[in-house]
Amino acid sequence: MLHFPIGPIRRNYKQWLKTDHAVLDD
């Protein structure tokens, strides 16, 4: 079973778009 945390991703992905590398990339 994999836990996919869409809530935190939803809250942060726009901020991550502004960086060269983000935790979502990893």
PDB file of all heavy atoms in Angstrom:
ATOM      1  N   MET A   1       0.845  -1.179   0.000  1.00  0.00           N
ATOM      2  CA  MET A   1       0.000   0.000   0.000  1.00  0.00           C
ATOM      3  C   MET A   1       0.888   1.240   0.000  1.00  0.00           C
ATOM      4  O   MET A   1       1.818   1.333   0.768  1.00  0.00           O
ATOM      5  CB  MET A   1      -0.879   0.025   1.247  1.00  0.00           C
ATOM      6  CG  MET A   1      -1.879  -1.099   1.357  1.00  0.00           C
ATOM      7  SD  MET A   1      -2.951  -1.323  -0.051  1.00  0.00           S
ATOM      8  CE  MET A   1      -3.574   0.278  -0.346  1.00  0.00           C
ATOM      9  N   LEU A   2       0.545   2.153  -0.870  1.00  0.00           N
ATOM     10  CA  LEU A   2       1.272   3.412  -0.957  1.00  0.00           C
ATOM     11  C   LEU A   2       0.342   4.548  -0.541  1.00  0.00           C
ATOM     12  O   LEU A   2      -0.800   4.617  -0.983  1.00  0.00           O
ATOM     13  CB  LEU A   2       1.764   3.644  -2.390  1.00  0.00           C
ATOM     14  CG  LEU A   2       2.669   2.564  -2.959  1.00  0.00           C
ATOM     15  CD1 LEU A   2       2.922   2.821  -4.436  1.00  0.00           C
ATOM     16  CD2 LEU A   2       3.963   2.508  -2.190  1.00  0.00           C
ATOM     17  N   HIS A   3       0.852   5.412   0.284  1.00  0.00           N
ATOM     18  CA  HIS A   3       0.123   6.602   0.718  1.00  0.00           C
ATOM     19  C   HIS A   3       0.530   7.743  -0.211  1.00  0.00           C
ATOM     20  O   HIS A   3       1.701   8.106  -0.283  1.00  0.00           O
ATOM     21  CB  HIS A   3       0.502   6.925   2.171  1.00  0.00           C
ATOM     22  CG  HIS A   3      -0.107   8.183   2.675  1.00  0.00           C
ATOM     23  ND1 HIS A   3       0.524   9.397   2.568  1.00  0.00           N
ATOM     24  CD2 HIS A   3      -1.291   8.421   3.281  1.00  0.00           C
ATOM     25  CE1 HIS A   3      -0.238  10.331   3.106  1.00  0.00           C
ATOM     26  NE2 HIS A   3      -1.338   9.770   3.535  1.00  0.00           N
ATOM     27  N   PHE A   4      -0.436   8.281  -0.945  1.00  0.00           N
ATOM     28  CA  PHE A   4      -0.158   9.388  -1.855  1.00  0.00           C
ATOM     29  C   PHE A   4      -0.801  10.641  -1.277  1.00  0.00           C
ATOM     30  O   PHE A   4      -2.025  10.813  -1.345  1.00  0.00           O
ATOM     31  CB  PHE A   4      -0.717   9.088  -3.253  1.00  0.00           C
ATOM     32  CG  PHE A   4      -0.251  10.085  -4.274  1.00  0.00           C
ATOM     33  CD1 PHE A   4       0.901   9.864  -4.986  1.00  0.00           C
ATOM     34  CD2 PHE A   4      -0.970  11.245  -4.509  1.00  0.00           C
ATOM     35  CE1 PHE A   4       1.347  10.779  -5.930  1.00  0.00           C
ATOM     36  CE2 PHE A   4      -0.544  12.179  -5.439  1.00  0.00           C
ATOM     37  CZ  PHE A   4       0.616  11.948  -6.146  1.00  0.00           C
ATOM     38  N   PRO A   5       0.006  11.544  -0.701  1.00  0.00           N
ATOM     39  CA  PRO A   5      -0.524  12.703   0.036  1.00  0.00           C
ATOM     40  C   PRO A   5      -0.944  13.865  -0.868  1.00  0.00           C
ATOM     41  O   PRO A   5      -0.288  14.895  -0.931  1.00  0.00           O
ATOM     42  CB  PRO A   5       0.660  13.083   0.919  1.00  0.00           C
ATOM     43  CG  PRO A   5       1.853  12.733   0.073  1.00  0.00           C
ATOM     44  CD  PRO A   5       1.460  11.492  -0.684  1.00  0.00           C
ATOM     45  N   ILE A   6      -2.069  13.732  -1.545  1.00  0.00           N
ATOM     46  CA  ILE A   6      -2.495  14.767  -2.484  1.00  0.00           C
ATOM     47  C   ILE A   6      -2.837  16.083  -1.787  1.00  0.00           C
ATOM     48  O   ILE A   6      -2.658  17.154  -2.368  1.00  0.00           O
ATOM     49  CB  ILE A   6      -3.667  14.276  -3.382  1.00  0.00           C
ATOM     50  CG1 ILE A   6      -3.848  15.197  -4.595  1.00  0.00           C
ATOM     51  CG2 ILE A   6      -4.953  14.158  -2.586  1.00  0.00           C
ATOM     52  CD1 ILE A   6      -2.687  15.234  -5.540  1.00  0.00           C
ATOM     53  N   GLY A   7      -3.281  16.033  -0.540  1.00  0.00           N
ATOM     54  CA  GLY A   7      -3.595  17.270   0.191  1.00  0.00           C
ATOM     55  C   GLY A   7      -2.399  18.198   0.304  1.00  0.00           C
ATOM     56  O   GLY A   7      -2.457  19.363  -0.136  1.00  0.00           O
ATOM     57  N   PRO A   8      -1.272  17.733   0.871  1.00  0.00           N
ATOM     58  CA  PRO A   8      -0.084  18.595   0.947  1.00  0.00           C
ATOM     59  C   PRO A   8       0.461  18.985  -0.428  1.00  0.00           C
ATOM     60  O   PRO A   8       0.940  20.100  -0.611  1.00  0.00           O
ATOM     61  CB  PRO A   8       0.929  17.735   1.705  1.00  0.00           C
ATOM     62  CG  PRO A   8       0.110  16.756   2.468  1.00  0.00           C
ATOM     63  CD  PRO A   8      -1.104  16.497   1.629  1.00  0.00           C
ATOM     64  N   ILE A   9       0.361  18.073  -1.380  1.00  0.00           N
ATOM     65  CA  ILE A   9       0.823  18.402  -2.734  1.00  0.00           C
ATOM     66  C   ILE A   9      -0.028  19.524  -3.301  1.00  0.00           C
ATOM     67  O   ILE A   9       0.488  20.493  -3.870  1.00  0.00           O
ATOM     68  CB  ILE A   9       0.791  17.152  -3.639  1.00  0.00           C
ATOM     69  CG1 ILE A   9       1.858  16.156  -3.186  1.00  0.00           C
ATOM     70  CG2 ILE A   9       0.984  17.540  -5.100  1.00  0.00           C
ATOM     71  CD1 ILE A   9       1.760  14.793  -3.835  1.00  0.00           C
ATOM     72  N   ARG A  10      -1.332  19.424  -3.126  1.00  0.00           N
ATOM     73  CA  ARG A  10      -2.259  20.455  -3.620  1.00  0.00           C
ATOM     74  C   ARG A  10      -1.927  21.814  -3.006  1.00  0.00           C
ATOM     75  O   ARG A  10      -1.982  22.838  -3.681  1.00  0.00           O
ATOM     76  CB  ARG A  10      -3.685  20.049  -3.261  1.00  0.00           C
ATOM     77  CG  ARG A  10      -4.754  20.945  -3.823  1.00  0.00           C
ATOM     78  CD  ARG A  10      -6.144  20.507  -3.381  1.00  0.00           C
ATOM     79  NE  ARG A  10      -6.451  19.162  -3.841  1.00  0.00           N
ATOM     80  CZ  ARG A  10      -6.797  18.156  -3.031  1.00  0.00           C
ATOM     81  NH1 ARG A  10      -6.882  18.338  -1.720  1.00  0.00           N
ATOM     82  NH2 ARG A  10      -7.076  16.974  -3.513  1.00  0.00           N
ATOM     83  N   ARG A  11      -1.597  21.821  -1.723  1.00  0.00           N
ATOM     84  CA  ARG A  11      -1.298  23.086  -1.046  1.00  0.00           C
ATOM     85  C   ARG A  11       0.026  23.700  -1.481  1.00  0.00           C
ATOM     86  O   ARG A  11       0.213  24.908  -1.377  1.00  0.00           O
ATOM     87  CB  ARG A  11      -1.285  22.884   0.470  1.00  0.00           C
ATOM     88  CG  ARG A  11      -2.645  22.715   1.078  1.00  0.00           C
ATOM     89  CD  ARG A  11      -2.607  22.752   2.598  1.00  0.00           C
ATOM     90  NE  ARG A  11      -1.755  21.726   3.184  1.00  0.00           N
ATOM     91  CZ  ARG A  11      -2.138  20.482   3.477  1.00  0.00           C
ATOM     92  NH1 ARG A  11      -3.372  20.099   3.210  1.00  0.00           N
ATOM     93  NH2 ARG A  11      -1.306  19.631   4.018  1.00  0.00           N
ATOM     94  N   ASN A  12       0.967  22.883  -1.947  1.00  0.00           N
ATOM     95  CA  ASN A  12       2.325  23.377  -2.165  1.00  0.00           C
ATOM     96  C   ASN A  12       2.831  23.386  -3.605  1.00  0.00           C
ATOM     97  O   ASN A  12       3.859  23.996  -3.874  1.00  0.00           O
ATOM     98  CB  ASN A  12       3.302  22.546  -1.323  1.00  0.00           C
ATOM     99  CG  ASN A  12       3.100  22.759   0.152  1.00  0.00           C
ATOM    100  OD1 ASN A  12       3.290  23.856   0.649  1.00  0.00           O
ATOM    101  ND2 ASN A  12       2.681  21.722   0.849  1.00  0.00           N
ATOM    102  N   TYR A  13       2.158  22.733  -4.528  1.00  0.00           N
ATOM    103  CA  TYR A  13       2.760  22.562  -5.845  1.00  0.00           C
ATOM    104  C   TYR A  13       3.012  23.889  -6.572  1.00  0.00           C
ATOM    105  O   TYR A  13       3.989  24.019  -7.311  1.00  0.00           O
ATOM    106  CB  TYR A  13       1.971  21.571  -6.713  1.00  0.00           C
ATOM    107  CG  TYR A  13       0.779  22.147  -7.428  1.00  0.00           C
ATOM    108  CD1 TYR A  13       0.898  22.665  -8.713  1.00  0.00           C
ATOM    109  CD2 TYR A  13      -0.477  22.174  -6.832  1.00  0.00           C
ATOM    110  CE1 TYR A  13      -0.199  23.182  -9.373  1.00  0.00           C
ATOM    111  CE2 TYR A  13      -1.567  22.685  -7.484  1.00  0.00           C
ATOM    112  CZ  TYR A  13      -1.424  23.196  -8.754  1.00  0.00           C
ATOM    113  OH  TYR A  13      -2.506  23.718  -9.401  1.00  0.00           O
ATOM    114  N   LYS A  14       2.169  24.891  -6.345  1.00  0.00           N
ATOM    115  CA  LYS A  14       2.391  26.179  -7.017  1.00  0.00           C
ATOM    116  C   LYS A  14       3.672  26.840  -6.514  1.00  0.00           C
ATOM    117  O   LYS A  14       4.395  27.465  -7.295  1.00  0.00           O
ATOM    118  CB  LYS A  14       1.185  27.096  -6.835  1.00  0.00           C
ATOM    119  CG  LYS A  14      -0.004  26.649  -7.660  1.00  0.00           C
ATOM    120  CD  LYS A  14      -1.162  27.598  -7.542  1.00  0.00           C
ATOM    121  CE  LYS A  14      -2.335  27.079  -8.364  1.00  0.00           C
ATOM    122  NZ  LYS A  14      -3.502  27.937  -8.259  1.00  0.00           N
ATOM    123  N   GLN A  15       3.967  26.700  -5.215  1.00  0.00           N
ATOM    124  CA  GLN A  15       5.232  27.206  -4.673  1.00  0.00           C
ATOM    125  C   GLN A  15       6.401  26.438  -5.263  1.00  0.00           C
ATOM    126  O   GLN A  15       7.430  27.011  -5.590  1.00  0.00           O
ATOM    127  CB  GLN A  15       5.273  27.067  -3.148  1.00  0.00           C
ATOM    128  CG  GLN A  15       4.782  28.221  -2.336  1.00  0.00           C
ATOM    129  CD  GLN A  15       5.372  29.547  -2.747  1.00  0.00           C
ATOM    130  OE1 GLN A  15       4.687  30.340  -3.380  1.00  0.00           O
ATOM    131  NE2 GLN A  15       6.621  29.824  -2.412  1.00  0.00           N
ATOM    132  N   TRP A  16       6.244  25.121  -5.372  1.00  0.00           N
ATOM    133  CA  TRP A  16       7.317  24.277  -5.903  1.00  0.00           C
ATOM    134  C   TRP A  16       7.612  24.592  -7.362  1.00  0.00           C
ATOM    135  O   TRP A  16       8.744  24.409  -7.818  1.00  0.00           O
ATOM    136  CB  TRP A  16       6.973  22.805  -5.740  1.00  0.00           C
ATOM    137  CG  TRP A  16       6.901  22.361  -4.310  1.00  0.00           C
ATOM    138  CD1 TRP A  16       7.551  22.903  -3.230  1.00  0.00           C
ATOM    139  CD2 TRP A  16       6.143  21.275  -3.790  1.00  0.00           C
ATOM    140  NE1 TRP A  16       7.239  22.227  -2.083  1.00  0.00           N
ATOM    141  CE2 TRP A  16       6.372  21.208  -2.405  1.00  0.00           C
ATOM    142  CE3 TRP A  16       5.278  20.341  -4.355  1.00  0.00           C
ATOM    143  CZ2 TRP A  16       5.790  20.259  -1.582  1.00  0.00           C
ATOM    144  CZ3 TRP A  16       4.701  19.389  -3.540  1.00  0.00           C
ATOM    145  CH2 TRP A  16       4.954  19.347  -2.164  1.00  0.00           C
ATOM    146  N   LEU A  17       6.609  25.043  -8.101  1.00  0.00           N
ATOM    147  CA  LEU A  17       6.831  25.419  -9.496  1.00  0.00           C
ATOM    148  C   LEU A  17       7.826  26.577  -9.622  1.00  0.00           C
ATOM    149  O   LEU A  17       8.499  26.712 -10.642  1.00  0.00           O
ATOM    150  CB  LEU A  17       5.514  25.818 -10.172  1.00  0.00           C
ATOM    151  CG  LEU A  17       4.619  24.686 -10.649  1.00  0.00           C
ATOM    152  CD1 LEU A  17       3.259  25.235 -11.077  1.00  0.00           C
ATOM    153  CD2 LEU A  17       5.268  23.903 -11.772  1.00  0.00           C
ATOM    154  N   LYS A  18       7.927  27.383  -8.583  1.00  0.00           N
ATOM    155  CA  LYS A  18       8.801  28.549  -8.605  1.00  0.00           C
ATOM    156  C   LYS A  18      10.255  28.213  -8.290  1.00  0.00           C
ATOM    157  O   LYS A  18      11.118  29.077  -8.379  1.00  0.00           O
ATOM    158  CB  LYS A  18       8.298  29.595  -7.604  1.00  0.00           C
ATOM    159  CG  LYS A  18       6.908  30.111  -7.924  1.00  0.00           C
ATOM    160  CD  LYS A  18       6.416  31.032  -6.818  1.00  0.00           C
ATOM    161  CE  LYS A  18       4.959  31.422  -7.047  1.00  0.00           C
ATOM    162  NZ  LYS A  18       4.435  32.227  -5.934  1.00  0.00           N
ATOM    163  N   THR A  19      10.536  26.958  -7.904  1.00  0.00           N
ATOM    164  CA  THR A  19      11.896  26.556  -7.548  1.00  0.00           C
ATOM    165  C   THR A  19      12.499  25.688  -8.655  1.00  0.00           C
ATOM    166  O   THR A  19      11.787  25.139  -9.492  1.00  0.00           O
ATOM    167  CB  THR A  19      11.905  25.762  -6.227  1.00  0.00           C
ATOM    168  OG1 THR A  19      11.202  24.528  -6.426  1.00  0.00           O
ATOM    169  CG2 THR A  19      11.264  26.556  -5.103  1.00  0.00           C
ATOM    170  N   ASP A  20      13.817  25.585  -8.644  1.00  0.00           N
ATOM    171  CA  ASP A  20      14.496  24.737  -9.628  1.00  0.00           C
ATOM    172  C   ASP A  20      14.336  23.259  -9.317  1.00  0.00           C
ATOM    173  O   ASP A  20      14.331  22.429 -10.217  1.00  0.00           O
ATOM    174  CB  ASP A  20      15.991  25.065  -9.675  1.00  0.00           C
ATOM    175  CG  ASP A  20      16.252  26.435 -10.281  1.00  0.00           C
ATOM    176  OD1 ASP A  20      15.405  26.917 -11.058  1.00  0.00           O
ATOM    177  OD2 ASP A  20      17.303  27.024  -9.971  1.00  0.00           O
ATOM    178  N   HIS A  21      14.252  22.940  -8.051  1.00  0.00           N
ATOM    179  CA  HIS A  21      14.110  21.547  -7.629  1.00  0.00           C
ATOM    180  C   HIS A  21      13.198  21.514  -6.408  1.00  0.00           C
ATOM    181  O   HIS A  21      13.339  22.321  -5.508  1.00  0.00           O
ATOM    182  CB  HIS A  21      15.474  20.946  -7.274  1.00  0.00           C
ATOM    183  CG  HIS A  21      15.403  19.486  -6.972  1.00  0.00           C
ATOM    184  ND1 HIS A  21      15.403  18.537  -7.960  1.00  0.00           N
ATOM    185  CD2 HIS A  21      15.298  18.817  -5.808  1.00  0.00           C
ATOM    186  CE1 HIS A  21      15.312  17.340  -7.405  1.00  0.00           C
ATOM    187  NE2 HIS A  21      15.243  17.479  -6.095  1.00  0.00           N
ATOM    188  N   ALA A  22      12.262  20.580  -6.414  1.00  0.00           N
ATOM    189  CA  ALA A  22      11.310  20.479  -5.303  1.00  0.00           C
ATOM    190  C   ALA A  22      11.209  19.036  -4.833  1.00  0.00           C
ATOM    191  O   ALA A  22      11.559  18.104  -5.557  1.00  0.00           O
ATOM    192  CB  ALA A  22       9.936  20.987  -5.743  1.00  0.00           C
ATOM    193  N   VAL A  23      10.691  18.883  -3.641  1.00  0.00           N
ATOM    194  CA  VAL A  23      10.497  17.556  -3.066  1.00  0.00           C
ATOM    195  C   VAL A  23       9.596  16.701  -3.957  1.00  0.00           C
ATOM    196  O   VAL A  23       9.761  15.489  -4.028  1.00  0.00           O
ATOM    197  CB  VAL A  23       9.963  17.659  -1.616  1.00  0.00           C
ATOM    198  CG1 VAL A  23       8.555  18.214  -1.587  1.00  0.00           C
ATOM    199  CG2 VAL A  23      10.034  16.332  -0.908  1.00  0.00           C
ATOM    200  N   LEU A  24       8.671  17.318  -4.674  1.00  0.00           N
ATOM    201  CA  LEU A  24       7.780  16.575  -5.560  1.00  0.00           C
ATOM    202  C   LEU A  24       8.553  15.941  -6.727  1.00  0.00           C
ATOM    203  O   LEU A  24       8.203  14.861  -7.188  1.00  0.00           O
ATOM    204  CB  LEU A  24       6.647  17.469  -6.079  1.00  0.00           C
ATOM    205  CG  LEU A  24       5.527  16.773  -6.830  1.00  0.00           C
ATOM    206  CD1 LEU A  24       4.878  15.671  -5.989  1.00  0.00           C
ATOM    207  CD2 LEU A  24       4.472  17.774  -7.269  1.00  0.00           C
ATOM    208  N   ASP A  25       9.616  16.598  -7.178  1.00  0.00           N
ATOM    209  CA  ASP A  25      10.459  16.006  -8.220  1.00  0.00           C
ATOM    210  C   ASP A  25      11.024  14.667  -7.735  1.00  0.00           C
ATOM    211  O   ASP A  25      11.021  13.676  -8.467  1.00  0.00           O
ATOM    212  CB  ASP A  25      11.631  16.931  -8.574  1.00  0.00           C
ATOM    213  CG  ASP A  25      11.196  18.284  -9.106  1.00  0.00           C
ATOM    214  OD1 ASP A  25      10.135  18.369  -9.742  1.00  0.00           O
ATOM    215  OD2 ASP A  25      11.943  19.249  -8.886  1.00  0.00           O
ATOM    216  N   ASP A  26      11.506  14.663  -6.493  1.00  0.00           N
ATOM    217  CA  ASP A  26      12.068  13.437  -5.919  1.00  0.00           C
ATOM    218  C   ASP A  26      10.992  12.391  -5.671  1.00  0.00           C
ATOM    219  O   ASP A  26      11.187  11.209  -5.942  1.00  0.00           O
ATOM    220  CB  ASP A  26      12.795  13.739  -4.607  1.00  0.00           C
ATOM    221  CG  ASP A  26      14.015  14.618  -4.800  1.00  0.00           C
ATOM    222  OD1 ASP A  26      14.619  14.575  -5.905  1.00  0.00           O
ATOM    223  OD2 ASP A  26      14.369  15.342  -3.863  1.00  0.00           O
TER     224      ASP A  26
END
